[in-house]
Amino acid sequence: MRIKRKKRFNVDLFDDARLAHGLSLNQLALAVEFAPQTIRRAFVLGSDPHPDTVRRLGEYFGIPPEKWYIRSEEMNDEAPE
């Protein structure tokens, strides 16, 4: 199985911003009016959130759009040689 993703949610940047604001995941969910499950999926489980979720988080923290995503390498489940 091969998964090709050119961009991934920049969870480290957003998590640093969340911690700098002193917000728990639940407090962040309330602040941006999302379900706690949505925030948990993005920050804890590592799944890529919907673009609208990323946009609202970016606007809330004042993070410019060009930093919302990071480039990722091609991923596959083959064992390394």
C-alpha atoms as a PDB file:
ATOM      1  CA  MET A   1       0.000   0.000   0.000  1.00  0.00           C
ATOM      2  CA  ARG A   2       1.294   3.451  -0.883  1.00  0.00           C
ATOM      3  CA  ILE A   3       0.012   6.722   0.449  1.00  0.00           C
ATOM      4  CA  LYS A   4       1.081   9.838  -1.385  1.00  0.00           C
ATOM      5  CA  ARG A   5       0.605  13.075   0.478  1.00  0.00           C
ATOM      6  CA  LYS A   6       2.260  16.261  -0.591  1.00  0.00           C
ATOM      7  CA  LYS A   7       1.186  18.215   2.486  1.00  0.00           C
ATOM      8  CA  ARG A   8       0.475  17.287   6.092  1.00  0.00           C
ATOM      9  CA  PHE A   9      -1.124  19.300   8.883  1.00  0.00           C
ATOM     10  CA  ASN A  10       1.662  21.077  10.806  1.00  0.00           C
ATOM     11  CA  VAL A  11       0.609  19.638  14.167  1.00  0.00           C
ATOM     12  CA  ASP A  12       3.825  20.639  15.957  1.00  0.00           C
ATOM     13  CA  LEU A  13       3.389  24.328  15.131  1.00  0.00           C
ATOM     14  CA  PHE A  14      -0.273  24.326  16.115  1.00  0.00           C
ATOM     15  CA  ASP A  15       0.418  22.366  19.298  1.00  0.00           C
ATOM     16  CA  ASP A  16       3.144  24.847  20.288  1.00  0.00           C
ATOM     17  CA  ALA A  17       0.699  27.713  19.694  1.00  0.00           C
ATOM     18  CA  ARG A  18      -1.946  25.942  21.780  1.00  0.00           C
ATOM     19  CA  LEU A  19       0.477  25.435  24.658  1.00  0.00           C
ATOM     20  CA  ALA A  20       1.728  29.039  24.410  1.00  0.00           C
ATOM     21  CA  HIS A  21      -1.880  30.164  24.876  1.00  0.00           C
ATOM     22  CA  GLY A  22      -2.206  27.804  27.853  1.00  0.00           C
ATOM     23  CA  LEU A  23      -5.110  25.880  26.334  1.00  0.00           C
ATOM     24  CA  SER A  24      -6.016  22.256  26.856  1.00  0.00           C
ATOM     25  CA  LEU A  25      -7.468  20.389  23.889  1.00  0.00           C
ATOM     26  CA  ASN A  26     -10.977  20.797  25.318  1.00  0.00           C
ATOM     27  CA  GLN A  27     -10.486  24.524  25.921  1.00  0.00           C
ATOM     28  CA  LEU A  28      -9.260  24.915  22.353  1.00  0.00           C
ATOM     29  CA  ALA A  29     -12.292  23.035  21.039  1.00  0.00           C
ATOM     30  CA  LEU A  30     -14.582  25.417  22.928  1.00  0.00           C
ATOM     31  CA  ALA A  31     -12.650  28.491  21.777  1.00  0.00           C
ATOM     32  CA  VAL A  32     -12.881  27.628  18.074  1.00  0.00           C
ATOM     33  CA  GLU A  33     -16.338  26.049  18.378  1.00  0.00           C
ATOM     34  CA  PHE A  34     -15.387  22.538  17.273  1.00  0.00           C
ATOM     35  CA  ALA A  35     -16.275  19.213  18.811  1.00  0.00           C
ATOM     36  CA  PRO A  36     -13.525  17.928  21.115  1.00  0.00           C
ATOM     37  CA  GLN A  37     -13.299  14.817  18.915  1.00  0.00           C
ATOM     38  CA  THR A  38     -12.322  16.969  15.926  1.00  0.00           C
ATOM     39  CA  ILE A  39      -9.475  18.583  17.849  1.00  0.00           C
ATOM     40  CA  ARG A  40      -8.387  15.239  19.302  1.00  0.00           C
ATOM     41  CA  ARG A  41      -8.224  13.629  15.843  1.00  0.00           C
ATOM     42  CA  ALA A  42      -5.957  16.420  14.596  1.00  0.00           C
ATOM     43  CA  PHE A  43      -3.668  16.813  17.614  1.00  0.00           C
ATOM     44  CA  VAL A  44      -3.518  13.351  19.191  1.00  0.00           C
ATOM     45  CA  LEU A  45      -4.319  10.798  16.513  1.00  0.00           C
ATOM     46  CA  GLY A  46      -2.378  12.557  13.776  1.00  0.00           C
ATOM     47  CA  SER A  47      -5.063  12.434  11.127  1.00  0.00           C
ATOM     48  CA  ASP A  48      -5.229  15.324   8.690  1.00  0.00           C
ATOM     49  CA  PRO A  49      -8.159  17.577   9.573  1.00  0.00           C
ATOM     50  CA  HIS A  50     -10.474  19.141   7.024  1.00  0.00           C
ATOM     51  CA  PRO A  51      -9.166  22.344   5.420  1.00  0.00           C
ATOM     52  CA  ASP A  52     -11.855  24.392   7.191  1.00  0.00           C
ATOM     53  CA  THR A  53     -10.648  23.079  10.552  1.00  0.00           C
ATOM     54  CA  VAL A  54      -7.067  24.058   9.724  1.00  0.00           C
ATOM     55  CA  ARG A  55      -8.188  27.489   8.500  1.00  0.00           C
ATOM     56  CA  ARG A  56     -10.133  28.243  11.678  1.00  0.00           C
ATOM     57  CA  LEU A  57      -7.280  27.071  13.897  1.00  0.00           C
ATOM     58  CA  GLY A  58      -4.792  29.127  11.886  1.00  0.00           C
ATOM     59  CA  GLU A  59      -6.942  32.231  12.116  1.00  0.00           C
ATOM     60  CA  TYR A  60      -7.488  31.725  15.848  1.00  0.00           C
ATOM     61  CA  PHE A  61      -3.750  31.482  16.556  1.00  0.00           C
ATOM     62  CA  GLY A  62      -2.727  34.073  13.958  1.00  0.00           C
ATOM     63  CA  ILE A  63      -0.613  31.579  12.024  1.00  0.00           C
ATOM     64  CA  PRO A  64      -0.110  32.576   8.363  1.00  0.00           C
ATOM     65  CA  PRO A  65      -1.609  30.166   5.789  1.00  0.00           C
ATOM     66  CA  GLU A  66       1.762  29.197   4.304  1.00  0.00           C
ATOM     67  CA  LYS A  67       2.708  27.568   7.635  1.00  0.00           C
ATOM     68  CA  TRP A  68      -0.486  25.523   8.105  1.00  0.00           C
ATOM     69  CA  TYR A  69       0.910  22.535   6.238  1.00  0.00           C
ATOM     70  CA  ILE A  70       4.325  20.960   5.876  1.00  0.00           C
ATOM     71  CA  ARG A  71       5.617  19.003   2.912  1.00  0.00           C
ATOM     72  CA  SER A  72       5.820  15.294   3.476  1.00  0.00           C
ATOM     73  CA  GLU A  73       7.696  12.561   1.753  1.00  0.00           C
ATOM     74  CA  GLU A  74       6.047   9.654   0.039  1.00  0.00           C
ATOM     75  CA  MET A  75       5.084   7.056   2.623  1.00  0.00           C
ATOM     76  CA  ASN A  76       4.731   3.323   2.122  1.00  0.00           C
ATOM     77  CA  ASP A  77       4.479   0.249   4.300  1.00  0.00           C
ATOM     78  CA  GLU A  78       7.431  -1.582   2.794  1.00  0.00           C
ATOM     79  CA  ALA A  79      10.181  -2.605   5.185  1.00  0.00           C
ATOM     80  CA  PRO A  80      13.365  -0.522   4.953  1.00  0.00           C
ATOM     81  CA  GLU A  81      16.301  -2.220   3.269  1.00  0.00           C
END
